[in-house]
Amino acid sequence: MPLLLSESAKLTLDQLALGVVETIIEESPMAGVMPFIQVEGNSYKWNKELTLGGAAFYAVNAVWTEGAATFTQASNNLAILGGDADVDNFIQRSRSNMQDQRAIQTVLKAKDVGRTWEQAVITGDTATDANAFDGLRKMMPSTGGSAQVMTPAAGGGALTLALLDQLIDLVKGGKPDALLMSRRSRRKLKSLLVASAHYVESGESAFGRQVMMYDGIPVVISDFQPDNEAADNGSGNSFSSIYAIQFSEADGLCGLQNGSLEAVDIGQLETKDAQRVRIRWYVSLALKRESAAARMNGVSAA
């Protein structure tokens, strides 16, 4: 079984850390389904397959041609994600009769960390923020003719079931584990299924919640998949993307982390009468095989 954040959280007896992990999973749908690799040091390297070496049919007594597989090395650096939450001691003592002020601030900070991570998974770009990591959009750019990127039309267009099937078929080595999209795209998909007299599939997530499915693939909704993208070779900024993703520590999309998500009790501060909690995560993302994910860019609202 892959290492999920929900599983790693069970290994700690620290209720503060456990609560922070649960909060982040609540705020970030991708955090609940993505496996993580533990990284030693500040970067992770792996070999990507380039060519298989070839095979052919031979005649009797023919000379066989040798051809070895070739590889290229890829690497991703870990990023430092986190934030501090300070609570004045007077406020904590005088206004915690109904709700623990420090607990509230910790939960809100954890929510912010979860949302920041989810946004980076989709739209992260080290060219824009050198301290972050590259997300799915950067891994599969909308230009450059990548075989793993498609559009409904050159200037963008409406989603159809045939196009969604085409996107799924771009993912090799089995079905995708998830279809990541915005709420707007999910509504369009649902309307297409209803209009075609196709029943709307549903199933249970890893947390026992009902989720919409298409062709047996869970539909993951993210509020950080924007609906104001530009279409490939098109104009305007009213489009969205849909991603088909295989999750795998071996050869799919996975998270990278050194240690685990931490909630650190910094304690009393010297310069003010307050206590500090720090949420920190040394984290990144790796797509270990290009054909494990595909993107449909330029999905319109119509």
Protein backbone atom coordinates (compact mmCIF):
# COMPACT_ATOMS: atom_id res chain seq x y z
CA MET A 1 0.00 0.00 0.00
CA PRO A 2 1.42 3.45 -0.88
CA LEU A 3 2.23 5.92 1.89
CA LEU A 4 -0.63 8.42 2.07
CA LEU A 5 -0.74 11.40 4.41
CA SER A 6 -3.70 9.81 6.18
CA GLU A 7 -1.64 6.67 6.85
CA SER A 8 1.46 8.55 8.00
CA ALA A 9 -0.68 10.57 10.41
CA LYS A 10 -1.63 7.34 12.21
CA LEU A 11 2.03 6.81 13.12
CA THR A 12 2.15 9.86 15.39
CA LEU A 13 0.81 10.13 18.91
CA ASP A 14 0.96 13.93 18.73
CA GLN A 15 -2.67 15.07 18.63
CA LEU A 16 -1.64 18.50 17.33
CA ALA A 17 0.20 16.98 14.36
CA LEU A 18 -2.63 14.51 13.75
CA GLY A 19 -5.20 17.30 13.70
CA VAL A 20 -3.11 19.37 11.28
CA VAL A 21 -2.76 16.47 8.82
CA GLU A 22 -6.50 15.78 8.96
CA THR A 23 -7.24 19.47 8.34
CA ILE A 24 -4.95 19.61 5.31
CA ILE A 25 -6.53 16.48 3.82
CA GLU A 26 -9.95 18.08 4.29
CA GLU A 27 -8.80 21.23 2.49
CA SER A 28 -6.89 19.50 -0.30
CA PRO A 29 -8.56 16.63 -2.16
CA MET A 30 -5.26 15.72 -3.84
CA ALA A 31 -3.53 15.34 -0.47
CA GLY A 32 -5.90 12.50 0.38
CA VAL A 33 -5.19 10.41 -2.73
CA MET A 34 -1.56 11.09 -3.59
CA PRO A 35 1.19 8.69 -2.42
CA PHE A 36 4.38 10.17 -0.97
CA ILE A 37 8.01 9.11 -1.21
CA GLN A 38 10.29 9.82 1.74
CA VAL A 39 13.38 11.71 0.53
CA GLU A 40 16.76 11.87 2.23
CA GLY A 41 18.43 15.22 1.66
CA ASN A 42 16.91 18.13 -0.23
CA SER A 43 16.31 16.59 -3.67
CA TYR A 44 15.15 13.39 -5.34
CA LYS A 45 16.60 11.81 -8.50
CA TRP A 46 15.18 9.04 -10.66
CA ASN A 47 15.80 7.46 -14.06
CA LYS A 48 13.30 8.11 -16.84
CA GLU A 49 12.95 5.62 -19.65
CA LEU A 50 13.93 6.99 -23.09
CA THR A 51 13.98 3.96 -25.42
CA LEU A 52 13.28 0.26 -24.91
CA GLY A 53 16.11 -0.99 -27.10
CA GLY A 54 13.95 -2.47 -29.85
CA ALA A 55 12.79 -5.92 -30.90
CA ALA A 56 12.35 -7.61 -34.27
CA PHE A 57 11.55 -10.87 -36.07
CA TYR A 58 14.50 -12.92 -37.28
CA ALA A 59 15.10 -15.66 -39.83
CA VAL A 60 16.72 -18.96 -38.93
CA ASN A 61 20.47 -18.52 -38.34
CA ALA A 62 20.17 -14.74 -38.71
CA VAL A 63 22.45 -12.42 -36.77
CA TRP A 64 20.59 -10.79 -33.92
CA THR A 65 20.97 -7.07 -33.27
CA GLU A 66 21.54 -6.01 -29.68
CA GLY A 67 19.80 -2.94 -28.37
CA ALA A 68 19.78 -1.89 -24.73
CA ALA A 69 17.22 0.38 -23.13
CA THR A 70 18.33 3.95 -22.52
CA PHE A 71 17.46 6.32 -19.69
CA THR A 72 17.74 9.93 -18.67
CA GLN A 73 18.04 11.20 -15.14
CA ALA A 74 15.49 13.61 -13.69
CA SER A 75 15.50 15.38 -10.34
CA ASN A 76 13.21 17.58 -8.25
CA ASN A 77 14.17 19.74 -5.32
CA LEU A 78 12.16 19.93 -2.13
CA ALA A 79 10.45 23.20 -1.27
CA ILE A 80 9.83 24.61 2.20
CA LEU A 81 6.13 25.20 2.79
CA GLY A 82 4.64 26.47 6.01
CA GLY A 83 3.57 29.32 8.21
CA ASP A 84 3.53 30.60 11.79
CA ALA A 85 0.51 31.31 13.97
CA ASP A 86 0.96 33.57 17.00
CA VAL A 87 -1.62 33.90 19.77
CA ASP A 88 -1.38 36.59 22.40
CA ASN A 89 -1.30 35.08 25.89
CA PHE A 90 -3.91 37.53 27.20
CA ILE A 91 -6.32 36.60 24.38
CA GLN A 92 -5.65 32.91 24.95
CA ARG A 93 -6.38 33.19 28.67
CA SER A 94 -9.29 35.61 28.60
CA ARG A 95 -11.16 34.49 25.46
CA SER A 96 -10.79 30.72 25.41
CA ASN A 97 -13.77 29.99 27.64
CA MET A 98 -15.85 28.95 24.60
CA GLN A 99 -13.20 28.01 22.03
CA ASP A 100 -9.44 27.53 22.35
CA GLN A 101 -8.00 30.52 20.52
CA ARG A 102 -4.67 28.80 19.87
CA ALA A 103 -6.38 25.73 18.44
CA ILE A 104 -8.45 27.91 16.12
CA GLN A 105 -5.37 29.72 14.80
CA THR A 106 -3.53 26.42 14.30
CA VAL A 107 -6.40 24.93 12.30
CA LEU A 108 -6.68 28.06 10.14
CA LYS A 109 -2.93 28.02 9.45
CA ALA A 110 -3.12 24.32 8.52
CA LYS A 111 -5.96 25.13 6.11
CA ASP A 112 -3.80 27.77 4.46
CA VAL A 113 -0.90 25.33 4.09
CA GLY A 114 -3.22 22.71 2.55
CA ARG A 115 -4.66 25.20 0.08
CA THR A 116 -1.23 26.53 -0.87
CA TRP A 117 0.00 22.97 -1.51
CA GLU A 118 -3.05 22.10 -3.63
CA GLN A 119 -2.60 25.24 -5.71
CA ALA A 120 1.08 24.43 -6.29
CA VAL A 121 0.25 20.85 -7.33
CA ILE A 122 -1.82 22.27 -10.20
CA THR A 123 -0.34 25.65 -11.12
CA GLY A 124 3.03 25.76 -9.32
CA ASP A 125 5.78 27.39 -11.39
CA THR A 126 9.34 27.90 -10.18
CA ALA A 127 9.80 30.57 -12.85
CA THR A 128 7.19 32.64 -10.99
CA ASP A 129 8.10 31.59 -7.44
CA ALA A 130 11.60 30.15 -7.14
CA ASN A 131 10.82 28.88 -3.63
CA ALA A 132 7.92 26.68 -4.79
CA PHE A 133 7.83 23.56 -6.99
CA ASP A 134 6.49 22.95 -10.50
CA GLY A 135 2.93 21.65 -10.73
CA LEU A 136 0.98 19.68 -13.31
CA ARG A 137 0.50 22.63 -15.65
CA LYS A 138 4.25 23.23 -15.83
CA MET A 139 5.02 19.50 -16.15
CA MET A 140 2.68 19.35 -19.15
CA PRO A 141 2.90 22.80 -20.77
CA SER A 142 0.08 23.89 -23.07
CA THR A 143 2.57 24.66 -25.85
CA GLY A 144 5.37 22.68 -27.42
CA GLY A 145 3.41 19.85 -29.03
CA SER A 146 3.55 17.42 -26.12
CA ALA A 147 1.64 14.22 -26.88
CA GLN A 148 0.18 14.34 -23.36
CA VAL A 149 -1.62 17.66 -23.92
CA MET A 150 -4.76 18.04 -26.01
CA THR A 151 -7.37 20.73 -26.63
CA PRO A 152 -11.01 20.51 -27.78
CA ALA A 153 -9.96 22.86 -30.61
CA ALA A 154 -7.01 25.12 -31.36
CA GLY A 155 -8.75 28.08 -29.76
CA GLY A 156 -10.51 26.12 -27.04
CA GLY A 157 -13.94 24.53 -27.09
CA ALA A 158 -16.66 22.64 -25.28
CA LEU A 159 -16.13 19.38 -23.42
CA THR A 160 -17.61 16.22 -24.93
CA LEU A 161 -17.63 12.64 -23.72
CA ALA A 162 -15.58 11.63 -26.77
CA LEU A 163 -12.92 14.19 -25.85
CA LEU A 164 -12.84 12.94 -22.27
CA ASP A 165 -12.36 9.39 -23.56
CA GLN A 166 -9.51 10.66 -25.73
CA LEU A 167 -7.88 12.25 -22.69
CA ILE A 168 -8.16 9.01 -20.72
CA ASP A 169 -6.60 7.09 -23.62
CA LEU A 170 -3.52 9.35 -23.51
CA VAL A 171 -2.66 7.81 -20.14
CA LYS A 172 -0.77 4.56 -20.76
CA GLY A 173 -0.26 1.52 -18.54
CA GLY A 174 -3.83 1.26 -17.29
CA LYS A 175 -6.70 3.55 -16.42
CA PRO A 176 -6.08 6.85 -14.65
CA ASP A 177 -6.70 6.85 -10.89
CA ALA A 178 -8.40 10.25 -10.98
CA LEU A 179 -9.85 12.91 -13.25
CA LEU A 180 -8.95 16.29 -11.77
CA MET A 181 -11.16 19.21 -12.77
CA SER A 182 -12.90 22.36 -11.59
CA ARG A 183 -16.46 22.50 -10.31
CA ARG A 184 -17.54 24.11 -13.59
CA SER A 185 -16.12 21.22 -15.61
CA ARG A 186 -17.74 18.70 -13.27
CA ARG A 187 -21.14 20.35 -13.84
CA LYS A 188 -20.60 20.17 -17.60
CA LEU A 189 -19.61 16.50 -17.40
CA LYS A 190 -22.70 15.72 -15.33
CA SER A 191 -24.96 17.49 -17.81
CA LEU A 192 -23.38 15.55 -20.71
CA LEU A 193 -24.04 12.26 -18.95
CA VAL A 194 -27.65 13.18 -18.21
CA ALA A 195 -28.23 14.39 -21.79
CA SER A 196 -26.85 11.15 -23.22
CA ALA A 197 -29.17 9.08 -20.99
CA HIS A 198 -26.08 7.73 -19.24
CA TYR A 199 -26.45 7.16 -15.55
CA VAL A 200 -24.17 9.25 -13.30
CA GLU A 201 -21.74 6.88 -11.63
CA SER A 202 -20.84 7.32 -8.00
CA GLY A 203 -18.54 5.53 -5.58
CA GLU A 204 -16.77 5.94 -2.29
CA SER A 205 -13.52 7.78 -1.74
CA ALA A 206 -10.78 6.49 0.55
CA PHE A 207 -12.56 8.38 3.35
CA GLY A 208 -15.98 6.83 2.76
CA ARG A 209 -17.44 9.88 1.00
CA GLN A 210 -19.57 9.60 -2.11
CA VAL A 211 -17.75 10.85 -5.21
CA MET A 212 -18.79 11.17 -8.84
CA MET A 213 -17.09 8.77 -11.24
CA TYR A 214 -16.67 8.50 -15.00
CA ASP A 215 -15.90 5.12 -16.57
CA GLY A 216 -15.02 3.88 -13.10
CA ILE A 217 -12.55 6.73 -12.52
CA PRO A 218 -13.13 9.05 -9.52
CA VAL A 219 -13.70 12.71 -10.37
CA VAL A 220 -11.59 14.87 -8.04
CA ILE A 221 -12.77 18.46 -7.70
CA SER A 222 -10.25 21.17 -6.88
CA ASP A 223 -11.08 24.80 -6.24
CA PHE A 224 -7.53 25.57 -7.39
CA GLN A 225 -8.06 24.40 -10.94
CA PRO A 226 -8.84 27.82 -12.45
CA ASP A 227 -11.53 28.58 -15.02
CA ASN A 228 -9.65 31.61 -16.39
CA GLU A 229 -6.83 29.94 -18.32
CA ALA A 230 -5.83 30.75 -21.89
CA ALA A 231 -6.39 28.04 -24.50
CA ASP A 232 -3.48 26.48 -26.35
CA ASN A 233 -2.99 28.47 -29.61
CA GLY A 234 -6.11 30.43 -28.72
CA SER A 235 -7.07 33.72 -27.11
CA GLY A 236 -9.10 34.81 -24.14
CA ASN A 237 -8.88 33.66 -20.55
CA SER A 238 -12.14 31.86 -19.84
CA PHE A 239 -10.97 28.26 -20.21
CA SER A 240 -10.18 25.44 -17.83
CA SER A 241 -8.15 22.20 -17.82
CA ILE A 242 -8.94 18.59 -16.97
CA TYR A 243 -6.16 16.20 -15.90
CA ALA A 244 -6.18 12.40 -16.09
CA ILE A 245 -3.67 11.05 -13.56
CA GLN A 246 -2.14 7.78 -12.48
CA PHE A 247 -0.74 7.88 -8.94
CA SER A 248 2.26 5.66 -8.24
CA GLU A 249 5.47 5.83 -6.25
CA ALA A 250 7.08 3.66 -8.92
CA ASP A 251 6.15 5.31 -12.22
CA GLY A 252 3.29 7.77 -11.80
CA LEU A 253 2.54 11.06 -10.05
CA CYS A 254 3.63 11.17 -6.42
CA GLY A 255 4.53 13.60 -3.70
CA LEU A 256 8.02 13.97 -2.26
CA GLN A 257 8.70 14.85 1.36
CA ASN A 258 11.55 14.81 3.84
CA GLY A 259 10.07 13.67 7.12
CA SER A 260 6.39 14.46 7.31
CA LEU A 261 4.05 17.36 7.78
CA GLU A 262 4.89 18.86 11.17
CA ALA A 263 3.18 21.05 13.72
CA VAL A 264 5.95 22.54 15.87
CA ASP A 265 5.16 24.17 19.19
CA ILE A 266 7.68 27.03 19.20
CA GLY A 267 6.39 28.17 22.59
CA GLN A 268 6.68 31.54 24.28
CA LEU A 269 8.18 34.37 22.22
CA GLU A 270 10.84 36.71 23.56
CA THR A 271 9.73 39.91 21.89
CA LYS A 272 6.01 39.76 22.69
CA ASP A 273 3.67 38.10 25.15
CA ALA A 274 2.51 35.38 22.80
CA GLN A 275 2.92 31.72 21.88
CA ARG A 276 3.77 30.44 18.40
CA VAL A 277 2.88 27.30 16.47
CA ARG A 278 4.69 26.58 13.20
CA ILE A 279 3.28 24.37 10.45
CA ARG A 280 6.08 23.18 8.16
CA TRP A 281 6.41 20.74 5.30
CA TYR A 282 9.48 19.94 3.19
CA VAL A 283 7.65 18.86 0.07
CA SER A 284 7.66 18.61 -3.72
CA LEU A 285 6.09 16.72 -6.62
CA ALA A 286 7.36 14.21 -9.18
CA LEU A 287 5.85 12.85 -12.40
CA LYS A 288 8.02 9.79 -12.86
CA ARG A 289 6.61 8.81 -16.28
CA GLU A 290 5.20 11.35 -18.76
CA SER A 291 2.50 8.98 -20.02
CA ALA A 292 1.13 8.57 -16.48
CA ALA A 293 -0.75 11.86 -16.81
CA ALA A 294 -2.45 13.90 -19.52
CA ARG A 295 -4.04 17.32 -19.74
CA MET A 296 -6.98 18.70 -21.69
CA ASN A 297 -6.47 22.42 -21.98
CA GLY A 298 -8.95 24.94 -23.38
CA VAL A 299 -12.21 23.57 -21.93
CA SER A 300 -14.84 26.25 -22.26
CA ALA A 301 -17.87 26.91 -20.07
CA ALA A 302 -20.36 26.03 -22.84
